[in-house]
Amino acid sequence: MRYLLLICSDERSYENMSPEEGAARMAAWGQYTQDLTAAGKNLGGERLRTVASATTVRLKDGDRLLSDGLFAETKEQLGGFFMIEAENLDEAIDWASKMPHMAYGGSTEVRPI
């Protein structure tokens, strides 16, 4: 079964990061991606641009309403995703719990497709 792992974290936490810490976190994501791919579970994934580049679209009385930014005010933002193949929800949760951002207070929403 396919699952979407939605990566949620506070993107502001990266603003004060040293270059060394940033490089270490990127290396951790690279290793996670390699492990997921080596296990034959990686069906794709992408990092998203910051919420400042987002546009929210709504309809009201048939008219489009556009606004800059997130669809909701939250502490955490959706930063990217992986689509994986997993035998069941337990396996998908295992992969989600290994994501590097989890160690820094992030969360992962696991959704079956």
PDB file of N, CA and C in Angstrom:
ATOM      1  N   MET A   1       0.838  -1.176   0.000  1.00  0.00           N
ATOM      2  CA  MET A   1       0.000   0.000   0.000  1.00  0.00           C
ATOM      3  C   MET A   1       0.883   1.238   0.000  1.00  0.00           C
ATOM      4  N   ARG A   2       0.431   2.270  -0.657  1.00  0.00           N
ATOM      5  CA  ARG A   2       1.175   3.527  -0.693  1.00  0.00           C
ATOM      6  C   ARG A   2       0.749   4.421   0.477  1.00  0.00           C
ATOM      7  N   TYR A   3       1.732   5.122   1.018  1.00  0.00           N
ATOM      8  CA  TYR A   3       1.504   6.083   2.102  1.00  0.00           C
ATOM      9  C   TYR A   3       2.230   7.378   1.768  1.00  0.00           C
ATOM     10  N   LEU A   4       1.633   8.478   2.167  1.00  0.00           N
ATOM     11  CA  LEU A   4       2.273   9.773   2.046  1.00  0.00           C
ATOM     12  C   LEU A   4       2.754  10.177   3.434  1.00  0.00           C
ATOM     13  N   LEU A   5       4.031  10.484   3.549  1.00  0.00           N
ATOM     14  CA  LEU A   5       4.622  10.959   4.802  1.00  0.00           C
ATOM     15  C   LEU A   5       4.808  12.466   4.670  1.00  0.00           C
ATOM     16  N   LEU A   6       3.987  13.237   5.360  1.00  0.00           N
ATOM     17  CA  LEU A   6       4.010  14.696   5.279  1.00  0.00           C
ATOM     18  C   LEU A   6       4.920  15.249   6.367  1.00  0.00           C
ATOM     19  N   ILE A   7       5.950  15.950   5.980  1.00  0.00           N
ATOM     20  CA  ILE A   7       6.984  16.449   6.882  1.00  0.00           C
ATOM     21  C   ILE A   7       6.568  17.815   7.414  1.00  0.00           C
ATOM     22  N   CYS A   8       6.359  17.901   8.721  1.00  0.00           N
ATOM     23  CA  CYS A   8       5.910  19.152   9.346  1.00  0.00           C
ATOM     24  C   CYS A   8       6.933  19.603  10.380  1.00  0.00           C
ATOM     25  N   SER A   9       7.331  20.866  10.270  1.00  0.00           N
ATOM     26  CA  SER A   9       8.243  21.438  11.259  1.00  0.00           C
ATOM     27  C   SER A   9       8.129  22.954  11.197  1.00  0.00           C
ATOM     28  N   ASP A  10       8.724  23.609  12.158  1.00  0.00           N
ATOM     29  CA  ASP A  10       8.728  25.064  12.196  1.00  0.00           C
ATOM     30  C   ASP A  10       9.891  25.542  11.333  1.00  0.00           C
ATOM     31  N   GLU A  11       9.595  26.082  10.166  1.00  0.00           N
ATOM     32  CA  GLU A  11      10.667  26.468   9.250  1.00  0.00           C
ATOM     33  C   GLU A  11      11.531  27.590   9.811  1.00  0.00           C
ATOM     34  N   ARG A  12      11.029  28.334  10.795  1.00  0.00           N
ATOM     35  CA  ARG A  12      11.836  29.390  11.414  1.00  0.00           C
ATOM     36  C   ARG A  12      13.001  28.822  12.215  1.00  0.00           C
ATOM     37  N   SER A  13      12.914  27.537  12.613  1.00  0.00           N
ATOM     38  CA  SER A  13      13.994  26.939  13.400  1.00  0.00           C
ATOM     39  C   SER A  13      15.289  26.832  12.598  1.00  0.00           C
ATOM     40  N   TYR A  14      15.198  26.931  11.282  1.00  0.00           N
ATOM     41  CA  TYR A  14      16.389  26.831  10.439  1.00  0.00           C
ATOM     42  C   TYR A  14      17.115  28.167  10.287  1.00  0.00           C
ATOM     43  N   GLU A  15      16.460  29.262  10.677  1.00  0.00           N
ATOM     44  CA  GLU A  15      17.035  30.597  10.476  1.00  0.00           C
ATOM     45  C   GLU A  15      18.312  30.838  11.271  1.00  0.00           C
ATOM     46  N   ASN A  16      18.382  30.315  12.487  1.00  0.00           N
ATOM     47  CA  ASN A  16      19.535  30.570  13.351  1.00  0.00           C
ATOM     48  C   ASN A  16      20.518  29.412  13.397  1.00  0.00           C
ATOM     49  N   MET A  17      20.394  28.515  12.464  1.00  0.00           N
ATOM     50  CA  MET A  17      21.243  27.337  12.428  1.00  0.00           C
ATOM     51  C   MET A  17      22.628  27.688  11.860  1.00  0.00           C
ATOM     52  N   SER A  18      23.663  27.142  12.459  1.00  0.00           N
ATOM     53  CA  SER A  18      25.004  27.355  11.924  1.00  0.00           C
ATOM     54  C   SER A  18      25.148  26.586  10.603  1.00  0.00           C
ATOM     55  N   PRO A  19      26.091  26.996   9.766  1.00  0.00           N
ATOM     56  CA  PRO A  19      26.313  26.261   8.514  1.00  0.00           C
ATOM     57  C   PRO A  19      26.650  24.784   8.761  1.00  0.00           C
ATOM     58  N   GLU A  20      27.365  24.512   9.835  1.00  0.00           N
ATOM     59  CA  GLU A  20      27.718  23.127  10.157  1.00  0.00           C
ATOM     60  C   GLU A  20      26.481  22.313  10.533  1.00  0.00           C
ATOM     61  N   GLU A  21      25.605  22.915  11.342  1.00  0.00           N
ATOM     62  CA  GLU A  21      24.386  22.219  11.727  1.00  0.00           C
ATOM     63  C   GLU A  21      23.480  22.007  10.510  1.00  0.00           C
ATOM     64  N   GLY A  22      23.397  23.014   9.655  1.00  0.00           N
ATOM     65  CA  GLY A  22      22.607  22.878   8.426  1.00  0.00           C
ATOM     66  C   GLY A  22      23.131  21.754   7.553  1.00  0.00           C
ATOM     67  N   ALA A  23      24.447  21.670   7.413  1.00  0.00           N
ATOM     68  CA  ALA A  23      25.054  20.606   6.607  1.00  0.00           C
ATOM     69  C   ALA A  23      24.797  19.234   7.227  1.00  0.00           C
ATOM     70  N   ALA A  24      24.851  19.160   8.553  1.00  0.00           N
ATOM     71  CA  ALA A  24      24.602  17.880   9.232  1.00  0.00           C
ATOM     72  C   ALA A  24      23.158  17.435   9.032  1.00  0.00           C
ATOM     73  N   ARG A  25      22.229  18.372   9.108  1.00  0.00           N
ATOM     74  CA  ARG A  25      20.817  18.009   8.899  1.00  0.00           C
ATOM     75  C   ARG A  25      20.576  17.575   7.459  1.00  0.00           C
ATOM     76  N   MET A  26      21.174  18.262   6.501  1.00  0.00           N
ATOM     77  CA  MET A  26      21.016  17.864   5.096  1.00  0.00           C
ATOM     78  C   MET A  26      21.624  16.479   4.856  1.00  0.00           C
ATOM     79  N   ALA A  27      22.748  16.199   5.499  1.00  0.00           N
ATOM     80  CA  ALA A  27      23.369  14.875   5.376  1.00  0.00           C
ATOM     81  C   ALA A  27      22.452  13.803   5.959  1.00  0.00           C
ATOM     82  N   ALA A  28      21.787  14.120   7.070  1.00  0.00           N
ATOM     83  CA  ALA A  28      20.857  13.161   7.681  1.00  0.00           C
ATOM     84  C   ALA A  28      19.687  12.866   6.729  1.00  0.00           C
ATOM     85  N   TRP A  29      19.175  13.905   6.056  1.00  0.00           N
ATOM     86  CA  TRP A  29      18.098  13.686   5.085  1.00  0.00           C
ATOM     87  C   TRP A  29      18.594  12.869   3.896  1.00  0.00           C
ATOM     88  N   GLY A  30      19.826  13.121   3.468  1.00  0.00           N
ATOM     89  CA  GLY A  30      20.398  12.331   2.378  1.00  0.00           C
ATOM     90  C   GLY A  30      20.506  10.862   2.758  1.00  0.00           C
ATOM     91  N   GLN A  31      20.953  10.588   3.985  1.00  0.00           N
ATOM     92  CA  GLN A  31      21.060   9.209   4.451  1.00  0.00           C
ATOM     93  C   GLN A  31      19.691   8.556   4.566  1.00  0.00           C
ATOM     94  N   TYR A  32      18.717   9.293   5.094  1.00  0.00           N
ATOM     95  CA  TYR A  32      17.353   8.755   5.202  1.00  0.00           C
ATOM     96  C   TYR A  32      16.831   8.374   3.819  1.00  0.00           C
ATOM     97  N   THR A  33      17.020   9.249   2.851  1.00  0.00           N
ATOM     98  CA  THR A  33      16.561   8.979   1.487  1.00  0.00           C
ATOM     99  C   THR A  33      17.267   7.755   0.908  1.00  0.00           C
ATOM    100  N   GLN A  34      18.558   7.637   1.143  1.00  0.00           N
ATOM    101  CA  GLN A  34      19.305   6.464   0.673  1.00  0.00           C
ATOM    102  C   GLN A  34      18.777   5.185   1.312  1.00  0.00           C
ATOM    103  N   ASP A  35      18.513   5.220   2.616  1.00  0.00           N
ATOM    104  CA  ASP A  35      18.014   4.039   3.317  1.00  0.00           C
ATOM    105  C   ASP A  35      16.637   3.632   2.796  1.00  0.00           C
ATOM    106  N   LEU A  36      15.778   4.605   2.595  1.00  0.00           N
ATOM    107  CA  LEU A  36      14.431   4.355   2.091  1.00  0.00           C
ATOM    108  C   LEU A  36      14.492   3.761   0.681  1.00  0.00           C
ATOM    109  N   THR A  37      15.371   4.294  -0.146  1.00  0.00           N
ATOM    110  CA  THR A  37      15.536   3.809  -1.519  1.00  0.00           C
ATOM    111  C   THR A  37      16.139   2.412  -1.535  1.00  0.00           C
ATOM    112  N   ALA A  38      17.141   2.179  -0.717  1.00  0.00           N
ATOM    113  CA  ALA A  38      17.785   0.861  -0.654  1.00  0.00           C
ATOM    114  C   ALA A  38      16.811  -0.220  -0.218  1.00  0.00           C
ATOM    115  N   ALA A  39      15.848   0.150   0.614  1.00  0.00           N
ATOM    116  CA  ALA A  39      14.840  -0.806   1.082  1.00  0.00           C
ATOM    117  C   ALA A  39      13.729  -1.016   0.047  1.00  0.00           C
ATOM    118  N   GLY A  40      13.777  -0.276  -1.064  1.00  0.00           N
ATOM    119  CA  GLY A  40      12.765  -0.405  -2.100  1.00  0.00           C
ATOM    120  C   GLY A  40      11.436   0.229  -1.727  1.00  0.00           C
ATOM    121  N   LYS A  41      11.455   1.188  -0.816  1.00  0.00           N
ATOM    122  CA  LYS A  41      10.222   1.803  -0.316  1.00  0.00           C
ATOM    123  C   LYS A  41       9.960   3.197  -0.875  1.00  0.00           C
ATOM    124  N   ASN A  42      10.963   3.842  -1.443  1.00  0.00           N
ATOM    125  CA  ASN A  42      10.851   5.228  -1.882  1.00  0.00           C
ATOM    126  C   ASN A  42      10.171   5.316  -3.248  1.00  0.00           C
ATOM    127  N   LEU A  43       8.991   5.925  -3.282  1.00  0.00           N
ATOM    128  CA  LEU A  43       8.273   6.138  -4.539  1.00  0.00           C
ATOM    129  C   LEU A  43       8.400   7.583  -5.019  1.00  0.00           C
ATOM    130  N   GLY A  44       9.019   8.434  -4.222  1.00  0.00           N
ATOM    131  CA  GLY A  44       9.216   9.827  -4.608  1.00  0.00           C
ATOM    132  C   GLY A  44       9.092  10.739  -3.417  1.00  0.00           C
ATOM    133  N   GLY A  45       9.498  11.964  -3.608  1.00  0.00           N
ATOM    134  CA  GLY A  45       9.398  12.953  -2.548  1.00  0.00           C
ATOM    135  C   GLY A  45      10.033  14.251  -2.985  1.00  0.00           C
ATOM    136  N   GLU A  46       9.687  15.299  -2.299  1.00  0.00           N
ATOM    137  CA  GLU A  46      10.212  16.627  -2.617  1.00  0.00           C
ATOM    138  C   GLU A  46      10.224  17.489  -1.371  1.00  0.00           C
ATOM    139  N   ARG A  47      11.148  18.420  -1.354  1.00  0.00           N
ATOM    140  CA  ARG A  47      11.155  19.478  -0.350  1.00  0.00           C
ATOM    141  C   ARG A  47      10.328  20.624  -0.924  1.00  0.00           C
ATOM    142  N   LEU A  48       9.538  21.269  -0.090  1.00  0.00           N
ATOM    143  CA  LEU A  48       8.735  22.400  -0.534  1.00  0.00           C
ATOM    144  C   LEU A  48       9.449  23.711  -0.236  1.00  0.00           C
ATOM    145  N   ARG A  49       9.150  24.721  -1.015  1.00  0.00           N
ATOM    146  CA  ARG A  49       9.669  26.061  -0.718  1.00  0.00           C
ATOM    147  C   ARG A  49       8.969  26.592   0.527  1.00  0.00           C
ATOM    148  N   THR A  50       9.461  27.689   1.066  1.00  0.00           N
ATOM    149  CA  THR A  50       8.917  28.233   2.313  1.00  0.00           C
ATOM    150  C   THR A  50       7.474  28.703   2.139  1.00  0.00           C
ATOM    151  N   VAL A  51       6.790  28.868   3.257  1.00  0.00           N
ATOM    152  CA  VAL A  51       5.395  29.301   3.223  1.00  0.00           C
ATOM    153  C   VAL A  51       5.248  30.701   2.631  1.00  0.00           C
ATOM    154  N   ALA A  52       6.305  31.486   2.633  1.00  0.00           N
ATOM    155  CA  ALA A  52       6.235  32.819   2.041  1.00  0.00           C
ATOM    156  C   ALA A  52       5.934  32.753   0.546  1.00  0.00           C
ATOM    157  N   SER A  53       6.229  31.623  -0.079  1.00  0.00           N
ATOM    158  CA  SER A  53       5.975  31.474  -1.516  1.00  0.00           C
ATOM    159  C   SER A  53       4.617  30.836  -1.813  1.00  0.00           C
ATOM    160  N   ALA A  54       3.868  30.485  -0.772  1.00  0.00           N
ATOM    161  CA  ALA A  54       2.588  29.796  -0.955  1.00  0.00           C
ATOM    162  C   ALA A  54       1.477  30.769  -1.357  1.00  0.00           C
ATOM    163  N   THR A  55       0.516  30.247  -2.090  1.00  0.00           N
ATOM    164  CA  THR A  55      -0.717  30.964  -2.420  1.00  0.00           C
ATOM    165  C   THR A  55      -1.885  30.067  -2.061  1.00  0.00           C
ATOM    166  N   THR A  56      -2.834  30.596  -1.314  1.00  0.00           N
ATOM    167  CA  THR A  56      -4.028  29.841  -0.941  1.00  0.00           C
ATOM    168  C   THR A  56      -5.181  30.298  -1.822  1.00  0.00           C
ATOM    169  N   VAL A  57      -5.919  29.326  -2.349  1.00  0.00           N
ATOM    170  CA  VAL A  57      -7.049  29.595  -3.236  1.00  0.00           C
ATOM    171  C   VAL A  57      -8.333  29.161  -2.539  1.00  0.00           C
ATOM    172  N   ARG A  58      -9.316  30.042  -2.534  1.00  0.00           N
ATOM    173  CA  ARG A  58     -10.642  29.740  -2.003  1.00  0.00           C
ATOM    174  C   ARG A  58     -11.677  30.191  -3.029  1.00  0.00           C
ATOM    175  N   LEU A  59     -12.858  29.625  -2.941  1.00  0.00           N
ATOM    176  CA  LEU A  59     -13.980  30.081  -3.756  1.00  0.00           C
ATOM    177  C   LEU A  59     -15.057  30.633  -2.850  1.00  0.00           C
ATOM    178  N   LYS A  60     -15.599  31.783  -3.229  1.00  0.00           N
ATOM    179  CA  LYS A  60     -16.716  32.363  -2.491  1.00  0.00           C
ATOM    180  C   LYS A  60     -17.694  32.912  -3.523  1.00  0.00           C
ATOM    181  N   ASP A  61     -18.888  32.361  -3.504  1.00  0.00           N
ATOM    182  CA  ASP A  61     -19.923  32.766  -4.463  1.00  0.00           C
ATOM    183  C   ASP A  61     -19.423  32.683  -5.903  1.00  0.00           C
ATOM    184  N   GLY A  62     -18.625  31.655  -6.183  1.00  0.00           N
ATOM    185  CA  GLY A  62     -18.132  31.437  -7.541  1.00  0.00           C
ATOM    186  C   GLY A  62     -16.915  32.251  -7.915  1.00  0.00           C
ATOM    187  N   ASP A  63     -16.457  33.137  -7.046  1.00  0.00           N
ATOM    188  CA  ASP A  63     -15.268  33.946  -7.309  1.00  0.00           C
ATOM    189  C   ASP A  63     -14.059  33.363  -6.599  1.00  0.00           C
ATOM    190  N   ARG A  64     -12.938  33.414  -7.284  1.00  0.00           N
ATOM    191  CA  ARG A  64     -11.687  32.960  -6.659  1.00  0.00           C
ATOM    192  C   ARG A  64     -11.149  34.035  -5.734  1.00  0.00           C
ATOM    193  N   LEU A  65     -10.766  33.617  -4.552  1.00  0.00           N
ATOM    194  CA  LEU A  65     -10.113  34.501  -3.599  1.00  0.00           C
ATOM    195  C   LEU A  65      -8.706  33.960  -3.376  1.00  0.00           C
ATOM    196  N   LEU A  66      -7.714  34.764  -3.656  1.00  0.00           N
ATOM    197  CA  LEU A  66      -6.319  34.360  -3.501  1.00  0.00           C
ATOM    198  C   LEU A  66      -5.708  35.110  -2.335  1.00  0.00           C
ATOM    199  N   SER A  67      -4.917  34.392  -1.543  1.00  0.00           N
ATOM    200  CA  SER A  67      -4.184  35.050  -0.470  1.00  0.00           C
ATOM    201  C   SER A  67      -2.787  34.467  -0.403  1.00  0.00           C
ATOM    202  N   ASP A  68      -1.856  35.304  -0.024  1.00  0.00           N
ATOM    203  CA  ASP A  68      -0.475  34.862   0.120  1.00  0.00           C
ATOM    204  C   ASP A  68      -0.341  34.039   1.383  1.00  0.00           C
ATOM    205  N   GLY A  69       0.484  33.015   1.316  1.00  0.00           N
ATOM    206  CA  GLY A  69       0.812  32.255   2.510  1.00  0.00           C
ATOM    207  C   GLY A  69      -0.042  31.030   2.740  1.00  0.00           C
ATOM    208  N   LEU A  70       0.049  30.559   3.968  1.00  0.00           N
ATOM    209  CA  LEU A  70      -0.595  29.319   4.389  1.00  0.00           C
ATOM    210  C   LEU A  70      -2.110  29.393   4.369  1.00  0.00           C
ATOM    211  N   PHE A  71      -2.713  28.213   4.307  1.00  0.00           N
ATOM    212  CA  PHE A  71      -4.164  28.122   4.398  1.00  0.00           C
ATOM    213  C   PHE A  71      -4.626  28.244   5.843  1.00  0.00           C
ATOM    214  N   ALA A  72      -3.725  28.045   6.802  1.00  0.00           N
ATOM    215  CA  ALA A  72      -4.076  28.126   8.225  1.00  0.00           C
ATOM    216  C   ALA A  72      -2.865  28.645   8.995  1.00  0.00           C
ATOM    217  N   GLU A  73      -3.115  29.338  10.066  1.00  0.00           N
ATOM    218  CA  GLU A  73      -2.043  29.800  10.942  1.00  0.00           C
ATOM    219  C   GLU A  73      -1.645  28.653  11.865  1.00  0.00           C
ATOM    220  N   THR A  74      -0.423  28.204  11.750  1.00  0.00           N
ATOM    221  CA  THR A  74       0.056  27.100  12.572  1.00  0.00           C
ATOM    222  C   THR A  74       1.491  27.355  12.995  1.00  0.00           C
ATOM    223  N   LYS A  75       1.925  26.649  14.019  1.00  0.00           N
ATOM    224  CA  LYS A  75       3.323  26.738  14.441  1.00  0.00           C
ATOM    225  C   LYS A  75       4.214  25.970  13.469  1.00  0.00           C
ATOM    226  N   GLU A  76       3.714  24.840  12.980  1.00  0.00           N
ATOM    227  CA  GLU A  76       4.476  24.013  12.051  1.00  0.00           C
ATOM    228  C   GLU A  76       3.971  24.205  10.631  1.00  0.00           C
ATOM    229  N   GLN A  77       4.873  24.047   9.677  1.00  0.00           N
ATOM    230  CA  GLN A  77       4.519  24.160   8.272  1.00  0.00           C
ATOM    231  C   GLN A  77       4.854  22.859   7.557  1.00  0.00           C
ATOM    232  N   LEU A  78       4.122  22.597   6.495  1.00  0.00           N
ATOM    233  CA  LEU A  78       4.415  21.453   5.652  1.00  0.00           C
ATOM    234  C   LEU A  78       5.658  21.781   4.854  1.00  0.00           C
ATOM    235  N   GLY A  79       6.707  20.999   5.055  1.00  0.00           N
ATOM    236  CA  GLY A  79       7.993  21.297   4.428  1.00  0.00           C
ATOM    237  C   GLY A  79       8.364  20.373   3.300  1.00  0.00           C
ATOM    238  N   GLY A  80       7.651  19.272   3.147  1.00  0.00           N
ATOM    239  CA  GLY A  80       7.955  18.325   2.093  1.00  0.00           C
ATOM    240  C   GLY A  80       7.222  17.028   2.331  1.00  0.00           C
ATOM    241  N   PHE A  81       7.524  16.044   1.498  1.00  0.00           N
ATOM    242  CA  PHE A  81       6.831  14.769   1.608  1.00  0.00           C
ATOM    243  C   PHE A  81       7.662  13.653   0.985  1.00  0.00           C
ATOM    244  N   PHE A  82       7.358  12.458   1.398  1.00  0.00           N
ATOM    245  CA  PHE A  82       7.813  11.236   0.750  1.00  0.00           C
ATOM    246  C   PHE A  82       6.584  10.401   0.471  1.00  0.00           C
ATOM    247  N   MET A  83       6.530   9.798  -0.698  1.00  0.00           N
ATOM    248  CA  MET A  83       5.524   8.779  -0.977  1.00  0.00           C
ATOM    249  C   MET A  83       6.264   7.454  -0.903  1.00  0.00           C
ATOM    250  N   ILE A  84       5.753   6.550  -0.064  1.00  0.00           N
ATOM    251  CA  ILE A  84       6.435   5.279   0.137  1.00  0.00           C
ATOM    252  C   ILE A  84       5.489   4.113  -0.118  1.00  0.00           C
ATOM    253  N   GLU A  85       6.092   2.967  -0.311  1.00  0.00           N
ATOM    254  CA  GLU A  85       5.365   1.695  -0.372  1.00  0.00           C
ATOM    255  C   GLU A  85       5.639   0.992   0.949  1.00  0.00           C
ATOM    256  N   ALA A  86       4.581   0.621   1.656  1.00  0.00           N
ATOM    257  CA  ALA A  86       4.739  -0.073   2.934  1.00  0.00           C
ATOM    258  C   ALA A  86       3.718  -1.198   3.010  1.00  0.00           C
ATOM    259  N   GLU A  87       4.065  -2.244   3.727  1.00  0.00           N
ATOM    260  CA  GLU A  87       3.163  -3.384   3.870  1.00  0.00           C
ATOM    261  C   GLU A  87       1.885  -3.015   4.619  1.00  0.00           C
ATOM    262  N   ASN A  88       2.040  -2.084   5.584  1.00  0.00           N
ATOM    263  CA  ASN A  88       0.896  -1.707   6.417  1.00  0.00           C
ATOM    264  C   ASN A  88       1.218  -0.399   7.139  1.00  0.00           C
ATOM    265  N   LEU A  89       0.257   0.083   7.899  1.00  0.00           N
ATOM    266  CA  LEU A  89       0.431   1.346   8.618  1.00  0.00           C
ATOM    267  C   LEU A  89       1.595   1.280   9.601  1.00  0.00           C
ATOM    268  N   ASP A  90       1.779   0.146  10.253  1.00  0.00           N
ATOM    269  CA  ASP A  90       2.880   0.024  11.216  1.00  0.00           C
ATOM    270  C   ASP A  90       4.230   0.253  10.549  1.00  0.00           C
ATOM    271  N   GLU A  91       4.424  -0.309   9.356  1.00  0.00           N
ATOM    272  CA  GLU A  91       5.685  -0.113   8.651  1.00  0.00           C
ATOM    273  C   GLU A  91       5.837   1.349   8.233  1.00  0.00           C
ATOM    274  N   ALA A  92       4.757   1.968   7.770  1.00  0.00           N
ATOM    275  CA  ALA A  92       4.814   3.383   7.388  1.00  0.00           C
ATOM    276  C   ALA A  92       5.179   4.251   8.592  1.00  0.00           C
ATOM    277  N   ILE A  93       4.622   3.930   9.748  1.00  0.00           N
ATOM    278  CA  ILE A  93       4.939   4.668  10.970  1.00  0.00           C
ATOM    279  C   ILE A  93       6.400   4.469  11.353  1.00  0.00           C
ATOM    280  N   ASP A  94       6.924   3.270  11.174  1.00  0.00           N
ATOM    281  CA  ASP A  94       8.343   3.016  11.451  1.00  0.00           C
ATOM    282  C   ASP A  94       9.229   3.930  10.603  1.00  0.00           C
ATOM    283  N   TRP A  95       8.932   4.031   9.288  1.00  0.00           N
ATOM    284  CA  TRP A  95       9.714   4.903   8.409  1.00  0.00           C
ATOM    285  C   TRP A  95       9.539   6.362   8.810  1.00  0.00           C
ATOM    286  N   ALA A  96       8.324   6.755   9.153  1.00  0.00           N
ATOM    287  CA  ALA A  96       8.082   8.143   9.560  1.00  0.00           C
ATOM    288  C   ALA A  96       8.881   8.503  10.812  1.00  0.00           C
ATOM    289  N   SER A  97       8.983   7.572  11.738  1.00  0.00           N
ATOM    290  CA  SER A  97       9.675   7.861  12.997  1.00  0.00           C
ATOM    291  C   SER A  97      11.184   7.988  12.814  1.00  0.00           C
ATOM    292  N   LYS A  98      11.716   7.550  11.682  1.00  0.00           N
ATOM    293  CA  LYS A  98      13.151   7.651  11.401  1.00  0.00           C
ATOM    294  C   LYS A  98      13.531   8.950  10.706  1.00  0.00           C
ATOM    295  N   MET A  99      12.566   9.784  10.378  1.00  0.00           N
ATOM    296  CA  MET A  99      12.856  11.026   9.656  1.00  0.00           C
ATOM    297  C   MET A  99      13.679  11.967  10.538  1.00  0.00           C
ATOM    298  N   PRO A 100      14.717  12.587   9.984  1.00  0.00           N
ATOM    299  CA  PRO A 100      15.622  13.411  10.787  1.00  0.00           C
ATOM    300  C   PRO A 100      14.968  14.552  11.543  1.00  0.00           C
ATOM    301  N   HIS A 101      13.930  15.167  11.019  1.00  0.00           N
ATOM    302  CA  HIS A 101      13.335  16.327  11.685  1.00  0.00           C
ATOM    303  C   HIS A 101      12.610  15.959  12.974  1.00  0.00           C
ATOM    304  N   MET A 102      12.324  14.697  13.162  1.00  0.00           N
ATOM    305  CA  MET A 102      11.620  14.257  14.368  1.00  0.00           C
ATOM    306  C   MET A 102      12.445  14.543  15.625  1.00  0.00           C
ATOM    307  N   ALA A 103      13.760  14.434  15.509  1.00  0.00           N
ATOM    308  CA  ALA A 103      14.648  14.663  16.655  1.00  0.00           C
ATOM    309  C   ALA A 103      14.661  16.123  17.097  1.00  0.00           C
ATOM    310  N   TYR A 104      14.143  17.019  16.246  1.00  0.00           N
ATOM    311  CA  TYR A 104      14.161  18.452  16.552  1.00  0.00           C
ATOM    312  C   TYR A 104      12.755  18.992  16.792  1.00  0.00           C
ATOM    313  N   GLY A 105      11.826  18.125  17.152  1.00  0.00           N
ATOM    314  CA  GLY A 105      10.480  18.557  17.494  1.00  0.00           C
ATOM    315  C   GLY A 105       9.498  18.586  16.349  1.00  0.00           C
ATOM    316  N   GLY A 106       9.893  18.099  15.171  1.00  0.00           N
ATOM    317  CA  GLY A 106       8.982  18.045  14.035  1.00  0.00           C
ATOM    318  C   GLY A 106       7.986  16.907  14.188  1.00  0.00           C
ATOM    319  N   SER A 107       7.050  16.840  13.280  1.00  0.00           N
ATOM    320  CA  SER A 107       6.084  15.757  13.266  1.00  0.00           C
ATOM    321  C   SER A 107       5.902  15.281  11.833  1.00  0.00           C
ATOM    322  N   THR A 108       5.329  14.107  11.694  1.00  0.00           N
ATOM    323  CA  THR A 108       5.052  13.552  10.386  1.00  0.00           C
ATOM    324  C   THR A 108       3.626  13.034  10.374  1.00  0.00           C
ATOM    325  N   GLU A 109       2.868  13.503   9.405  1.00  0.00           N
ATOM    326  CA  GLU A 109       1.511  12.992   9.221  1.00  0.00           C
ATOM    327  C   GLU A 109       1.593  11.853   8.219  1.00  0.00           C
ATOM    328  N   VAL A 110       1.084  10.695   8.598  1.00  0.00           N
ATOM    329  CA  VAL A 110       1.101   9.501   7.738  1.00  0.00           C
ATOM    330  C   VAL A 110      -0.300   9.317   7.187  1.00  0.00           C
ATOM    331  N   ARG A 111      -0.429   9.330   5.840  1.00  0.00           N
ATOM    332  CA  ARG A 111      -1.738   9.219   5.218  1.00  0.00           C
ATOM    333  C   ARG A 111      -1.706   8.133   4.157  1.00  0.00           C
ATOM    334  N   PRO A 112      -2.628   7.172   4.243  1.00  0.00           N
ATOM    335  CA  PRO A 112      -2.724   6.171   3.178  1.00  0.00           C
ATOM    336  C   PRO A 112      -3.222   6.825   1.891  1.00  0.00           C
ATOM    337  N   ILE A 113      -2.768   6.297   0.791  1.00  0.00           N
ATOM    338  CA  ILE A 113      -3.208   6.787  -0.527  1.00  0.00           C
ATOM    339  C   ILE A 113      -4.117   5.735  -1.126  1.00  0.00           C
TER     340      ILE A 113
END
